[in-house]
PDB file of N, CA and C in Angstrom:
ATOM      1  N   MET A   1      89.593  80.305 101.560  1.00  0.00           N
ATOM      2  CA  MET A   1      88.365  79.925 100.727  1.00  0.00           C
ATOM      3  C   MET A   1      88.390  78.930 100.077  1.00  0.00           C
ATOM      4  N   THR A   2      87.646  77.779 100.061  1.00  0.00           N
ATOM      5  CA  THR A   2      87.718  76.911  98.826  1.00  0.00           C
ATOM      6  C   THR A   2      86.505  77.194  98.160  1.00  0.00           C
ATOM      7  N   LEU A   3      87.040  77.545  96.937  1.00  0.00           N
ATOM      8  CA  LEU A   3      86.010  77.946  95.798  1.00  0.00           C
ATOM      9  C   LEU A   3      85.660  76.788  95.092  1.00  0.00           C
ATOM     10  N   ARG A   4      84.439  76.662  94.538  1.00  0.00           N
ATOM     11  CA  ARG A   4      84.276  75.904  93.373  1.00  0.00           C
ATOM     12  C   ARG A   4      85.127  75.978  92.166  1.00  0.00           C
ATOM     13  N   ALA A   5      85.743  75.003  91.608  1.00  0.00           N
ATOM     14  CA  ALA A   5      86.746  75.443  90.486  1.00  0.00           C
ATOM     15  C   ALA A   5      86.403  76.283  89.377  1.00  0.00           C
ATOM     16  N   GLU A   6      85.016  76.009  88.928  1.00  0.00           N
ATOM     17  CA  GLU A   6      84.519  76.804  88.024  1.00  0.00           C
ATOM     18  C   GLU A   6      84.116  78.223  88.307  1.00  0.00           C
ATOM     19  N   GLU A   7      84.373  78.784  89.525  1.00  0.00           N
ATOM     20  CA  GLU A   7      84.043  80.049  90.192  1.00  0.00           C
ATOM     21  C   GLU A   7      85.216  80.910  90.312  1.00  0.00           C
ATOM     22  N   VAL A   8      86.319  80.205  90.256  1.00  0.00           N
ATOM     23  CA  VAL A   8      87.680  80.808  90.708  1.00  0.00           C
ATOM     24  C   VAL A   8      87.884  82.131  89.809  1.00  0.00           C
ATOM     25  N   ASN A   9      87.748  82.205  88.448  1.00  0.00           N
ATOM     26  CA  ASN A   9      87.853  83.332  87.730  1.00  0.00           C
ATOM     27  C   ASN A   9      86.644  84.263  88.128  1.00  0.00           C
ATOM     28  N   ALA A  10      85.598  84.055  88.505  1.00  0.00           N
ATOM     29  CA  ALA A  10      84.531  85.001  88.767  1.00  0.00           C
ATOM     30  C   ALA A  10      84.941  85.680  90.287  1.00  0.00           C
ATOM     31  N   PHE A  11      85.748  84.903  91.090  1.00  0.00           N
ATOM     32  CA  PHE A  11      86.209  85.358  92.297  1.00  0.00           C
ATOM     33  C   PHE A  11      87.224  86.402  91.949  1.00  0.00           C
ATOM     34  N   LEU A  12      88.112  86.002  91.231  1.00  0.00           N
ATOM     35  CA  LEU A  12      89.291  86.783  90.740  1.00  0.00           C
ATOM     36  C   LEU A  12      88.843  88.080  90.197  1.00  0.00           C
ATOM     37  N   ALA A  13      87.739  88.076  89.281  1.00  0.00           N
ATOM     38  CA  ALA A  13      87.295  89.458  88.752  1.00  0.00           C
ATOM     39  C   ALA A  13      86.728  90.211  89.754  1.00  0.00           C
ATOM     40  N   HIS A  14      86.028  89.714  90.774  1.00  0.00           N
ATOM     41  CA  HIS A  14      85.333  90.447  91.667  1.00  0.00           C
ATOM     42  C   HIS A  14      86.326  90.915  92.730  1.00  0.00           C
ATOM     43  N   PHE A  15      87.293  90.158  92.953  1.00  0.00           N
ATOM     44  CA  PHE A  15      88.563  90.842  93.987  1.00  0.00           C
ATOM     45  C   PHE A  15      89.047  91.816  93.140  1.00  0.00           C
ATOM     46  N   GLU A  16      89.416  91.778  91.928  1.00  0.00           N
ATOM     47  CA  GLU A  16      90.111  92.964  91.180  1.00  0.00           C
ATOM     48  C   GLU A  16      89.156  94.242  91.256  1.00  0.00           C
ATOM     49  N   GLU A  17      87.715  94.055  90.913  1.00  0.00           N
ATOM     50  CA  GLU A  17      86.857  95.128  91.349  1.00  0.00           C
ATOM     51  C   GLU A  17      86.867  95.835  92.532  1.00  0.00           C
ATOM     52  N   LYS A  18      87.053  94.849  93.550  1.00  0.00           N
ATOM     53  CA  LYS A  18      86.801  95.648  94.958  1.00  0.00           C
ATOM     54  C   LYS A  18      88.265  95.868  95.651  1.00  0.00           C
ATOM     55  N   LYS A  19      89.223  95.362  95.361  1.00  0.00           N
ATOM     56  CA  LYS A  19      90.296  95.339  96.135  1.00  0.00           C
ATOM     57  C   LYS A  19      90.832  96.938  96.451  1.00  0.00           C
ATOM     58  N   GLU A  20      90.780  98.061  95.571  1.00  0.00           N
ATOM     59  CA  GLU A  20      91.232  99.140  95.874  1.00  0.00           C
ATOM     60  C   GLU A  20      90.105  99.862  96.892  1.00  0.00           C
ATOM     61  N   TYR A  21      88.776  99.540  96.917  1.00  0.00           N
ATOM     62  CA  TYR A  21      87.871 100.028  97.868  1.00  0.00           C
ATOM     63  C   TYR A  21      88.156  99.508  99.201  1.00  0.00           C
ATOM     64  N   ILE A  22      88.539  98.024  99.424  1.00  0.00           N
ATOM     65  CA  ILE A  22      89.070  97.400 100.529  1.00  0.00           C
ATOM     66  C   ILE A  22      90.195  98.142 101.118  1.00  0.00           C
ATOM     67  N   ARG A  23      91.227  98.278 100.300  1.00  0.00           N
ATOM     68  CA  ARG A  23      92.484  98.776 100.828  1.00  0.00           C
ATOM     69  C   ARG A  23      92.330 100.275 101.195  1.00  0.00           C
ATOM     70  N   ALA A  24      91.365 101.102 100.572  1.00  0.00           N
ATOM     71  CA  ALA A  24      91.253 102.478 100.918  1.00  0.00           C
ATOM     72  C   ALA A  24      90.329 102.701 102.304  1.00  0.00           C
ATOM     73  N   PHE A  25      89.979 101.583 102.593  1.00  0.00           N
ATOM     74  CA  PHE A  25      88.924 101.651 103.924  1.00  0.00           C
ATOM     75  C   PHE A  25      89.653 101.975 105.160  1.00  0.00           C
ATOM     76  N   PRO A  26      89.119 102.922 105.726  1.00  0.00           N
ATOM     77  CA  PRO A  26      89.915 103.519 106.937  1.00  0.00           C
ATOM     78  C   PRO A  26      90.492 102.310 107.838  1.00  0.00           C
ATOM     79  N   GLY A  27      91.703 102.351 108.247  1.00  0.00           N
ATOM     80  CA  GLY A  27      92.367 101.390 109.068  1.00  0.00           C
ATOM     81  C   GLY A  27      93.077 100.248 108.084  1.00  0.00           C
ATOM     82  N   CYS A  28      92.681 100.254 107.206  1.00  0.00           N
ATOM     83  CA  CYS A  28      93.505  99.039 106.319  1.00  0.00           C
ATOM     84  C   CYS A  28      94.831  99.444 105.901  1.00  0.00           C
ATOM     85  N   ASN A  29      95.718  98.686 106.449  1.00  0.00           N
ATOM     86  CA  ASN A  29      97.052  98.913 106.107  1.00  0.00           C
ATOM     87  C   ASN A  29      97.661  98.076 105.187  1.00  0.00           C
ATOM     88  N   GLY A  30      96.825  97.042 104.625  1.00  0.00           N
ATOM     89  CA  GLY A  30      97.429  96.103 103.767  1.00  0.00           C
ATOM     90  C   GLY A  30      96.652  95.024 103.367  1.00  0.00           C
ATOM     91  N   LEU A  31      96.671  94.707 101.956  1.00  0.00           N
ATOM     92  CA  LEU A  31      95.648  93.670 101.522  1.00  0.00           C
ATOM     93  C   LEU A  31      96.494  92.783 100.739  1.00  0.00           C
ATOM     94  N   ARG A  32      96.357  91.206 100.697  1.00  0.00           N
ATOM     95  CA  ARG A  32      96.944  90.462  99.873  1.00  0.00           C
ATOM     96  C   ARG A  32      95.870  89.413  99.545  1.00  0.00           C
ATOM     97  N   LEU A  33      96.177  88.828  98.268  1.00  0.00           N
ATOM     98  CA  LEU A  33      95.470  87.651  97.966  1.00  0.00           C
ATOM     99  C   LEU A  33      96.361  86.649  97.569  1.00  0.00           C
ATOM    100  N   ILE A  34      96.199  85.679  98.428  1.00  0.00           N
ATOM    101  CA  ILE A  34      97.152  84.509  98.241  1.00  0.00           C
ATOM    102  C   ILE A  34      96.455  83.051  97.822  1.00  0.00           C
ATOM    103  N   ARG A  35      97.098  82.359  96.936  1.00  0.00           N
ATOM    104  CA  ARG A  35      96.593  81.149  96.574  1.00  0.00           C
ATOM    105  C   ARG A  35      97.623  79.895  96.786  1.00  0.00           C
ATOM    106  N   SER A  36      96.472  78.948  97.027  1.00  0.00           N
ATOM    107  CA  SER A  36      97.391  77.561  97.317  1.00  0.00           C
ATOM    108  C   SER A  36      98.223  77.216  96.108  1.00  0.00           C
ATOM    109  N   VAL A  37      99.416  76.734  96.421  1.00  0.00           N
ATOM    110  CA  VAL A  37     100.174  76.018  95.246  1.00  0.00           C
ATOM    111  C   VAL A  37      99.693  74.880  94.870  1.00  0.00           C
ATOM    112  N   ASP A  38      99.236  74.093  95.645  1.00  0.00           N
ATOM    113  CA  ASP A  38      98.842  72.830  95.261  1.00  0.00           C
ATOM    114  C   ASP A  38      97.047  72.598  94.756  1.00  0.00           C
ATOM    115  N   GLN A  39      96.489  73.396  95.395  1.00  0.00           N
ATOM    116  CA  GLN A  39      94.967  73.385  95.051  1.00  0.00           C
ATOM    117  C   GLN A  39      94.662  74.743  94.505  1.00  0.00           C
ATOM    118  N   PRO A  40      94.712  75.208  93.362  1.00  0.00           N
ATOM    119  CA  PRO A  40      94.471  76.721  92.760  1.00  0.00           C
ATOM    120  C   PRO A  40      93.001  77.197  92.984  1.00  0.00           C
ATOM    121  N   ASN A  41      92.106  76.351  93.507  1.00  0.00           N
ATOM    122  CA  ASN A  41      90.799  76.723  93.780  1.00  0.00           C
ATOM    123  C   ASN A  41      90.699  77.228  95.340  1.00  0.00           C
ATOM    124  N   ILE A  42      91.910  77.017  96.159  1.00  0.00           N
ATOM    125  CA  ILE A  42      91.888  77.604  97.518  1.00  0.00           C
ATOM    126  C   ILE A  42      92.736  78.918  97.612  1.00  0.00           C
ATOM    127  N   LEU A  43      91.998  80.063  98.092  1.00  0.00           N
ATOM    128  CA  LEU A  43      92.590  81.425  98.165  1.00  0.00           C
ATOM    129  C   LEU A  43      92.348  81.740  99.425  1.00  0.00           C
ATOM    130  N   PHE A  44      93.382  82.709  99.852  1.00  0.00           N
ATOM    131  CA  PHE A  44      93.160  83.231 101.102  1.00  0.00           C
ATOM    132  C   PHE A  44      93.319  85.030 100.840  1.00  0.00           C
ATOM    133  N   THR A  45      92.651  85.757 101.594  1.00  0.00           N
ATOM    134  CA  THR A  45      92.794  87.183 101.549  1.00  0.00           C
ATOM    135  C   THR A  45      93.406  87.386 102.963  1.00  0.00           C
ATOM    136  N   TYR A  46      94.391  88.392 102.957  1.00  0.00           N
ATOM    137  CA  TYR A  46      95.282  88.766 104.222  1.00  0.00           C
ATOM    138  C   TYR A  46      95.216  90.079 104.240  1.00  0.00           C
ATOM    139  N   SER A  47      94.666  90.808 105.158  1.00  0.00           N
ATOM    140  CA  SER A  47      94.550  92.036 105.567  1.00  0.00           C
ATOM    141  C   SER A  47      95.203  92.418 106.882  1.00  0.00           C
ATOM    142  N   HIS A  48      95.763  93.619 106.793  1.00  0.00           N
ATOM    143  CA  HIS A  48      96.334  94.224 108.096  1.00  0.00           C
ATOM    144  C   HIS A  48      95.547  95.404 108.624  1.00  0.00           C
ATOM    145  N   TRP A  49      95.140  95.452 109.613  1.00  0.00           N
ATOM    146  CA  TRP A  49      94.321  96.526 110.048  1.00  0.00           C
ATOM    147  C   TRP A  49      95.007  97.392 111.318  1.00  0.00           C
ATOM    148  N   ALA A  50      94.851  98.690 111.296  1.00  0.00           N
ATOM    149  CA  ALA A  50      95.297  99.397 112.355  1.00  0.00           C
ATOM    150  C   ALA A  50      95.051  98.835 113.810  1.00  0.00           C
ATOM    151  N   ASP A  51      93.993  98.445 113.984  1.00  0.00           N
ATOM    152  CA  ASP A  51      93.405  98.015 115.186  1.00  0.00           C
ATOM    153  C   ASP A  51      92.269  97.166 115.040  1.00  0.00           C
ATOM    154  N   ALA A  52      91.773  96.603 116.105  1.00  0.00           N
ATOM    155  CA  ALA A  52      90.461  95.784 116.113  1.00  0.00           C
ATOM    156  C   ALA A  52      89.411  96.478 115.729  1.00  0.00           C
ATOM    157  N   ALA A  53      89.137  97.729 116.251  1.00  0.00           N
ATOM    158  CA  ALA A  53      88.046  98.631 115.972  1.00  0.00           C
ATOM    159  C   ALA A  53      87.888  98.803 114.428  1.00  0.00           C
ATOM    160  N   ASP A  54      88.840  99.064 113.707  1.00  0.00           N
ATOM    161  CA  ASP A  54      88.921  99.303 112.361  1.00  0.00           C
ATOM    162  C   ASP A  54      88.450  98.181 111.501  1.00  0.00           C
ATOM    163  N   LEU A  55      88.998  96.894 111.734  1.00  0.00           N
ATOM    164  CA  LEU A  55      88.444  95.640 111.304  1.00  0.00           C
ATOM    165  C   LEU A  55      86.911  95.466 111.554  1.00  0.00           C
ATOM    166  N   GLU A  56      86.543  95.909 112.683  1.00  0.00           N
ATOM    167  CA  GLU A  56      85.217  95.590 113.241  1.00  0.00           C
ATOM    168  C   GLU A  56      84.196  96.582 112.439  1.00  0.00           C
ATOM    169  N   ALA A  57      84.758  97.687 112.036  1.00  0.00           N
ATOM    170  CA  ALA A  57      83.968  98.718 111.239  1.00  0.00           C
ATOM    171  C   ALA A  57      83.817  98.279 109.835  1.00  0.00           C
ATOM    172  N   TYR A  58      84.904  97.579 109.436  1.00  0.00           N
ATOM    173  CA  TYR A  58      84.836  97.172 108.095  1.00  0.00           C
ATOM    174  C   TYR A  58      83.847  96.063 107.865  1.00  0.00           C
ATOM    175  N   ARG A  59      84.070  95.109 108.908  1.00  0.00           N
ATOM    176  CA  ARG A  59      83.017  93.897 108.896  1.00  0.00           C
ATOM    177  C   ARG A  59      81.558  94.485 109.012  1.00  0.00           C
ATOM    178  N   HIS A  60      81.204  95.662 109.601  1.00  0.00           N
ATOM    179  CA  HIS A  60      79.939  95.990 109.444  1.00  0.00           C
ATOM    180  C   HIS A  60      79.590  96.926 108.452  1.00  0.00           C
ATOM    181  N   SER A  61      80.473  97.112 107.527  1.00  0.00           N
ATOM    182  CA  SER A  61      80.214  97.970 106.408  1.00  0.00           C
ATOM    183  C   SER A  61      79.435  97.657 105.283  1.00  0.00           C
ATOM    184  N   GLU A  62      78.667  98.600 104.664  1.00  0.00           N
ATOM    185  CA  GLU A  62      78.074  98.061 103.205  1.00  0.00           C
ATOM    186  C   GLU A  62      79.133  97.315 102.315  1.00  0.00           C
ATOM    187  N   LEU A  63      80.312  97.891 102.414  1.00  0.00           N
ATOM    188  CA  LEU A  63      81.331  97.208 101.280  1.00  0.00           C
ATOM    189  C   LEU A  63      81.501  95.595 101.780  1.00  0.00           C
ATOM    190  N   PHE A  64      81.658  95.504 102.889  1.00  0.00           N
ATOM    191  CA  PHE A  64      81.868  93.986 103.333  1.00  0.00           C
ATOM    192  C   PHE A  64      80.617  93.274 103.158  1.00  0.00           C
ATOM    193  N   LYS A  65      79.623  93.717 103.596  1.00  0.00           N
ATOM    194  CA  LYS A  65      78.307  92.963 103.281  1.00  0.00           C
ATOM    195  C   LYS A  65      77.817  92.691 101.915  1.00  0.00           C
ATOM    196  N   SER A  66      78.162  93.780 101.035  1.00  0.00           N
ATOM    197  CA  SER A  66      77.758  93.444  99.649  1.00  0.00           C
ATOM    198  C   SER A  66      78.818  92.489  99.040  1.00  0.00           C
ATOM    199  N   THR A  67      80.123  92.698  99.400  1.00  0.00           N
ATOM    200  CA  THR A  67      81.291  91.676  98.796  1.00  0.00           C
ATOM    201  C   THR A  67      80.974  90.240  99.402  1.00  0.00           C
ATOM    202  N   TRP A  68      80.627  90.235 100.671  1.00  0.00           N
ATOM    203  CA  TRP A  68      80.683  88.916 101.161  1.00  0.00           C
ATOM    204  C   TRP A  68      79.542  88.257 100.685  1.00  0.00           C
ATOM    205  N   THR A  69      78.158  88.955 100.401  1.00  0.00           N
ATOM    206  CA  THR A  69      77.084  88.191  99.966  1.00  0.00           C
ATOM    207  C   THR A  69      77.257  87.614  98.582  1.00  0.00           C
ATOM    208  N   TYR A  70      78.153  88.338  97.756  1.00  0.00           N
ATOM    209  CA  TYR A  70      78.340  87.717  96.351  1.00  0.00           C
ATOM    210  C   TYR A  70      79.538  86.437  96.562  1.00  0.00           C
ATOM    211  N   VAL A  71      80.595  86.739  97.232  1.00  0.00           N
ATOM    212  CA  VAL A  71      81.566  85.784  97.428  1.00  0.00           C
ATOM    213  C   VAL A  71      81.108  84.302  97.987  1.00  0.00           C
ATOM    214  N   LYS A  72      80.508  84.491  98.942  1.00  0.00           N
ATOM    215  CA  LYS A  72      79.948  83.216  99.708  1.00  0.00           C
ATOM    216  C   LYS A  72      79.289  82.331  98.582  1.00  0.00           C
ATOM    217  N   THR A  73      78.472  82.869  97.670  1.00  0.00           N
ATOM    218  CA  THR A  73      78.134  82.062  96.663  1.00  0.00           C
ATOM    219  C   THR A  73      78.951  81.238  95.745  1.00  0.00           C
ATOM    220  N   LEU A  74      80.393  81.636  95.880  1.00  0.00           N
ATOM    221  CA  LEU A  74      81.090  80.947  95.077  1.00  0.00           C
ATOM    222  C   LEU A  74      81.832  79.705  95.763  1.00  0.00           C
ATOM    223  N   PHE A  75      81.570  79.543  96.875  1.00  0.00           N
ATOM    224  CA  PHE A  75      82.451  78.627  97.732  1.00  0.00           C
ATOM    225  C   PHE A  75      81.866  77.215  97.587  1.00  0.00           C
ATOM    226  N   GLU A  76      82.938  76.169  97.729  1.00  0.00           N
ATOM    227  CA  GLU A  76      82.806  74.712  97.560  1.00  0.00           C
ATOM    228  C   GLU A  76      82.458  74.317  99.137  1.00  0.00           C
ATOM    229  N   GLU A  77      83.152  74.921  99.935  1.00  0.00           N
ATOM    230  CA  GLU A  77      83.211  74.866 101.503  1.00  0.00           C
ATOM    231  C   GLU A  77      83.051  75.949 102.146  1.00  0.00           C
ATOM    232  N   ARG A  78      82.385  75.709 103.232  1.00  0.00           N
ATOM    233  CA  ARG A  78      82.394  76.903 104.383  1.00  0.00           C
ATOM    234  C   ARG A  78      83.802  77.632 104.524  1.00  0.00           C
ATOM    235  N   ALA A  79      83.729  78.824 104.471  1.00  0.00           N
ATOM    236  CA  ALA A  79      84.976  79.664 104.661  1.00  0.00           C
ATOM    237  C   ALA A  79      85.416  79.712 106.178  1.00  0.00           C
ATOM    238  N   GLU A  80      86.594  79.911 106.426  1.00  0.00           N
ATOM    239  CA  GLU A  80      87.172  80.152 107.863  1.00  0.00           C
ATOM    240  C   GLU A  80      87.821  81.336 107.846  1.00  0.00           C
ATOM    241  N   ALA A  81      87.740  82.239 109.032  1.00  0.00           N
ATOM    242  CA  ALA A  81      88.557  83.560 109.167  1.00  0.00           C
ATOM    243  C   ALA A  81      88.987  83.437 110.599  1.00  0.00           C
ATOM    244  N   TRP A  82      90.271  84.077 110.493  1.00  0.00           N
ATOM    245  CA  TRP A  82      91.077  84.125 111.712  1.00  0.00           C
ATOM    246  C   TRP A  82      91.643  85.436 111.944  1.00  0.00           C
ATOM    247  N   SER A  83      91.786  85.920 113.240  1.00  0.00           N
ATOM    248  CA  SER A  83      92.389  87.242 113.493  1.00  0.00           C
ATOM    249  C   SER A  83      93.395  86.830 114.144  1.00  0.00           C
ATOM    250  N   ALA A  84      94.822  87.491 113.892  1.00  0.00           N
ATOM    251  CA  ALA A  84      96.109  87.254 114.435  1.00  0.00           C
ATOM    252  C   ALA A  84      96.972  88.480 114.760  1.00  0.00           C
ATOM    253  N   ILE A  85      98.005  88.329 115.615  1.00  0.00           N
ATOM    254  CA  ILE A  85      98.906  89.177 115.542  1.00  0.00           C
ATOM    255  C   ILE A  85     100.207  88.786 115.422  1.00  0.00           C
ATOM    256  N   VAL A  86     101.133  89.519 114.904  1.00  0.00           N
ATOM    257  CA  VAL A  86     102.590  89.283 114.527  1.00  0.00           C
ATOM    258  C   VAL A  86     103.353  89.290 115.866  1.00  0.00           C
ATOM    259  N   ILE A  87     104.086  88.200 116.156  1.00  0.00           N
ATOM    260  CA  ILE A  87     104.672  88.097 117.374  1.00  0.00           C
ATOM    261  C   ILE A  87     106.363  88.086 117.204  1.00  0.00           C
ATOM    262  N   ALA A  88     106.603  87.981 115.833  1.00  0.00           N
ATOM    263  CA  ALA A  88     107.999  88.227 115.453  1.00  0.00           C
ATOM    264  C   ALA A  88     108.007  88.337 113.791  1.00  0.00           C
ATOM    265  N   ASP A  89     108.750  89.444 113.509  1.00  0.00           N
ATOM    266  CA  ASP A  89     108.739  89.802 112.334  1.00  0.00           C
ATOM    267  C   ASP A  89     110.528  89.750 111.689  1.00  0.00           C
ATOM    268  N   LEU A  90     110.886  88.740 111.134  1.00  0.00           N
ATOM    269  CA  LEU A  90     112.176  88.511 110.970  1.00  0.00           C
ATOM    270  C   LEU A  90     112.606  88.974 109.527  1.00  0.00           C
TER     271      LEU A  90
END
């Protein structure tokens, strides 16, 4: 997510408020917030889900909808999202 620089602290505060709810959502096996070293207004959330159905349930939840409604107002650029699987864990 590329945030407007002046909105980074607002995002961090919102993430702090919501992270335990996201982490406690059924099927969520992990949640990380990652920041770019070179561009501190670029952040990534990384979540690990038990299966695709759990992720879909989260994406259709009121928690996601309310969180995303707020967070997207902070963006400088359109956000991107990917789903991926681990093919090697070394």
